[in-house]
Amino acid sequence: MSVRDERDRSHRRPLLTVPMAGAYTGLGERYIRRLRAERRIPCVRIGGRIMFDPDDLDALIEHHREPAARG
């Protein structure tokens, strides 16, 4: 393992469960499950648990951000 990998891991936020991801994004647990089933959002599968990296959830939100209208 490189020094960079070790440094990146030390700054990583904890993974979120499906209910936590739904609350984090405000989208709800059911919609998060649907996004995962459609493979529209990456997940981490550990044993039987499905978890989400907060950075991936942030990227999902940024991808759908619309600019404000100028008037």
N, C-alpha and C. Protein backbone atom coordinates (compact mmCIF):
# COMPACT_ATOMS: atom_id res chain seq x y z
N MET A 1 0.85 -1.18 0.00
CA MET A 1 0.00 0.00 0.00
C MET A 1 0.90 1.23 0.00
N SER A 2 0.59 2.19 -0.86
CA SER A 2 1.41 3.38 -0.97
C SER A 2 1.05 4.40 0.12
N VAL A 3 1.93 5.38 0.28
CA VAL A 3 1.69 6.44 1.25
C VAL A 3 0.44 7.22 0.87
N ARG A 4 0.25 7.43 -0.42
CA ARG A 4 -0.93 8.17 -0.88
C ARG A 4 -2.22 7.43 -0.53
N ASP A 5 -2.25 6.11 -0.73
CA ASP A 5 -3.43 5.33 -0.37
C ASP A 5 -3.72 5.46 1.12
N GLU A 6 -2.68 5.40 1.92
CA GLU A 6 -2.84 5.51 3.38
C GLU A 6 -3.38 6.89 3.76
N ARG A 7 -2.89 7.93 3.11
CA ARG A 7 -3.34 9.30 3.38
C ARG A 7 -4.80 9.46 2.95
N ASP A 8 -5.15 8.95 1.76
CA ASP A 8 -6.53 9.05 1.29
C ASP A 8 -7.49 8.34 2.24
N ARG A 9 -7.08 7.19 2.74
CA ARG A 9 -7.93 6.42 3.63
C ARG A 9 -8.14 7.15 4.95
N SER A 10 -7.15 7.87 5.42
CA SER A 10 -7.27 8.56 6.71
C SER A 10 -8.25 9.73 6.63
N HIS A 11 -8.52 10.24 5.43
CA HIS A 11 -9.45 11.36 5.27
C HIS A 11 -10.81 10.93 4.74
N ARG A 12 -10.98 9.65 4.53
CA ARG A 12 -12.24 9.13 3.99
C ARG A 12 -13.33 9.21 5.04
N ARG A 13 -14.51 9.65 4.60
CA ARG A 13 -15.66 9.68 5.50
C ARG A 13 -16.25 8.27 5.58
N PRO A 14 -16.94 7.96 6.67
CA PRO A 14 -17.52 6.62 6.81
C PRO A 14 -18.56 6.32 5.73
N LEU A 15 -18.66 5.07 5.35
CA LEU A 15 -19.67 4.64 4.40
C LEU A 15 -21.05 4.75 5.04
N LEU A 16 -22.06 4.96 4.19
CA LEU A 16 -23.43 5.13 4.67
C LEU A 16 -24.28 3.94 4.25
N THR A 17 -25.17 3.52 5.12
CA THR A 17 -26.14 2.48 4.79
C THR A 17 -27.21 3.08 3.88
N VAL A 18 -28.10 2.24 3.37
CA VAL A 18 -29.17 2.73 2.49
C VAL A 18 -30.03 3.77 3.21
N PRO A 19 -30.52 3.50 4.42
CA PRO A 19 -31.32 4.54 5.10
C PRO A 19 -30.53 5.83 5.36
N MET A 20 -29.26 5.69 5.71
CA MET A 20 -28.43 6.87 5.94
C MET A 20 -28.23 7.65 4.65
N ALA A 21 -28.03 6.95 3.53
CA ALA A 21 -27.84 7.61 2.24
C ALA A 21 -29.11 8.35 1.83
N GLY A 22 -30.26 7.74 2.10
CA GLY A 22 -31.53 8.39 1.79
C GLY A 22 -31.71 9.67 2.59
N ALA A 23 -31.35 9.62 3.86
CA ALA A 23 -31.45 10.80 4.71
C ALA A 23 -30.41 11.85 4.32
N TYR A 24 -29.20 11.42 4.00
CA TYR A 24 -28.11 12.32 3.62
C TYR A 24 -28.48 13.14 2.38
N THR A 25 -29.07 12.49 1.40
CA THR A 25 -29.40 13.17 0.15
C THR A 25 -30.78 13.82 0.17
N GLY A 26 -31.63 13.37 1.09
CA GLY A 26 -33.00 13.86 1.12
C GLY A 26 -33.88 13.19 0.08
N LEU A 27 -33.37 12.14 -0.55
CA LEU A 27 -34.11 11.45 -1.61
C LEU A 27 -34.96 10.30 -1.10
N GLY A 28 -34.65 9.81 0.07
CA GLY A 28 -35.40 8.69 0.63
C GLY A 28 -34.75 7.35 0.31
N GLU A 29 -35.01 6.42 1.18
CA GLU A 29 -34.41 5.09 1.09
C GLU A 29 -34.85 4.35 -0.18
N ARG A 30 -36.12 4.44 -0.52
CA ARG A 30 -36.65 3.73 -1.69
C ARG A 30 -36.00 4.20 -2.98
N TYR A 31 -35.82 5.50 -3.13
CA TYR A 31 -35.21 6.03 -4.35
C TYR A 31 -33.73 5.65 -4.43
N ILE A 32 -33.03 5.65 -3.31
CA ILE A 32 -31.63 5.22 -3.29
C ILE A 32 -31.54 3.77 -3.73
N ARG A 33 -32.43 2.92 -3.23
CA ARG A 33 -32.44 1.51 -3.65
C ARG A 33 -32.69 1.39 -5.16
N ARG A 34 -33.58 2.22 -5.68
CA ARG A 34 -33.86 2.18 -7.12
C ARG A 34 -32.65 2.62 -7.94
N LEU A 35 -32.00 3.69 -7.51
CA LEU A 35 -30.79 4.14 -8.21
C LEU A 35 -29.73 3.05 -8.22
N ARG A 36 -29.58 2.35 -7.12
CA ARG A 36 -28.59 1.28 -7.04
C ARG A 36 -28.99 0.12 -7.95
N ALA A 37 -30.26 -0.26 -7.94
CA ALA A 37 -30.74 -1.37 -8.78
C ALA A 37 -30.55 -1.06 -10.26
N GLU A 38 -30.71 0.21 -10.63
CA GLU A 38 -30.53 0.63 -12.02
C GLU A 38 -29.06 0.93 -12.34
N ARG A 39 -28.18 0.72 -11.36
CA ARG A 39 -26.74 0.97 -11.49
C ARG A 39 -26.44 2.41 -11.89
N ARG A 40 -27.23 3.33 -11.35
CA ARG A 40 -27.02 4.75 -11.63
C ARG A 40 -26.18 5.42 -10.56
N ILE A 41 -25.86 4.66 -9.49
CA ILE A 41 -25.02 5.17 -8.43
C ILE A 41 -24.13 4.02 -7.94
N PRO A 42 -22.84 4.30 -7.74
CA PRO A 42 -21.96 3.22 -7.26
C PRO A 42 -22.25 2.87 -5.80
N CYS A 43 -22.01 1.62 -5.47
CA CYS A 43 -22.17 1.18 -4.09
C CYS A 43 -21.02 0.27 -3.71
N VAL A 44 -20.90 0.03 -2.43
CA VAL A 44 -19.90 -0.88 -1.89
C VAL A 44 -20.68 -2.02 -1.24
N ARG A 45 -20.39 -3.24 -1.66
CA ARG A 45 -21.08 -4.40 -1.10
C ARG A 45 -20.10 -5.13 -0.19
N ILE A 46 -20.40 -5.17 1.09
CA ILE A 46 -19.56 -5.86 2.06
C ILE A 46 -20.44 -6.91 2.71
N GLY A 47 -20.14 -8.17 2.41
CA GLY A 47 -21.01 -9.24 2.89
C GLY A 47 -22.38 -9.04 2.26
N GLY A 48 -23.40 -9.00 3.06
CA GLY A 48 -24.74 -8.76 2.54
C GLY A 48 -25.18 -7.31 2.63
N ARG A 49 -24.28 -6.45 3.11
CA ARG A 49 -24.64 -5.04 3.29
C ARG A 49 -24.30 -4.22 2.05
N ILE A 50 -25.17 -3.30 1.73
CA ILE A 50 -24.95 -2.35 0.64
C ILE A 50 -24.70 -1.00 1.29
N MET A 51 -23.57 -0.40 0.93
CA MET A 51 -23.20 0.87 1.54
C MET A 51 -22.77 1.85 0.44
N PHE A 52 -22.79 3.13 0.78
CA PHE A 52 -22.50 4.18 -0.18
C PHE A 52 -21.43 5.11 0.36
N ASP A 53 -20.54 5.52 -0.53
CA ASP A 53 -19.51 6.49 -0.20
C ASP A 53 -20.14 7.88 -0.30
N PRO A 54 -20.03 8.70 0.74
CA PRO A 54 -20.61 10.05 0.68
C PRO A 54 -20.10 10.87 -0.50
N ASP A 55 -18.87 10.63 -0.93
CA ASP A 55 -18.34 11.36 -2.09
C ASP A 55 -19.12 11.02 -3.36
N ASP A 56 -19.55 9.76 -3.50
CA ASP A 56 -20.38 9.37 -4.65
C ASP A 56 -21.75 10.02 -4.58
N LEU A 57 -22.29 10.14 -3.38
CA LEU A 57 -23.59 10.80 -3.22
C LEU A 57 -23.48 12.29 -3.53
N ASP A 58 -22.38 12.90 -3.11
CA ASP A 58 -22.14 14.31 -3.43
C ASP A 58 -22.03 14.49 -4.94
N ALA A 59 -21.36 13.56 -5.62
CA ALA A 59 -21.21 13.63 -7.08
C ALA A 59 -22.57 13.51 -7.76
N LEU A 60 -23.43 12.65 -7.24
CA LEU A 60 -24.79 12.50 -7.78
C LEU A 60 -25.54 13.83 -7.69
N ILE A 61 -25.44 14.46 -6.54
CA ILE A 61 -26.12 15.75 -6.33
C ILE A 61 -25.56 16.80 -7.29
N GLU A 62 -24.25 16.88 -7.39
CA GLU A 62 -23.62 17.87 -8.28
C GLU A 62 -23.99 17.63 -9.75
N HIS A 63 -24.10 16.37 -10.13
CA HIS A 63 -24.46 16.02 -11.51
C HIS A 63 -25.85 16.56 -11.87
N HIS A 64 -26.74 16.63 -10.90
CA HIS A 64 -28.10 17.07 -11.16
C HIS A 64 -28.34 18.55 -10.81
N ARG A 65 -27.29 19.25 -10.41
CA ARG A 65 -27.41 20.66 -10.07
C ARG A 65 -27.72 21.48 -11.32
N GLU A 66 -28.69 22.37 -11.22
CA GLU A 66 -29.03 23.27 -12.31
C GLU A 66 -28.61 24.68 -11.93
N PRO A 67 -28.04 25.43 -12.86
CA PRO A 67 -27.66 26.79 -12.54
C PRO A 67 -28.87 27.68 -12.31
N ALA A 68 -28.67 28.71 -11.51
CA ALA A 68 -29.75 29.66 -11.26
C ALA A 68 -30.00 30.49 -12.52
N ALA A 69 -31.25 30.86 -12.73
CA ALA A 69 -31.60 31.70 -13.88
C ALA A 69 -31.15 33.12 -13.63
N ARG A 70 -30.61 33.73 -14.65
CA ARG A 70 -30.22 35.14 -14.54
C ARG A 70 -31.33 36.00 -15.09
N GLY A 71 -31.60 37.05 -14.38
CA GLY A 71 -32.72 37.87 -14.81
C GLY A 71 -32.39 39.25 -15.03
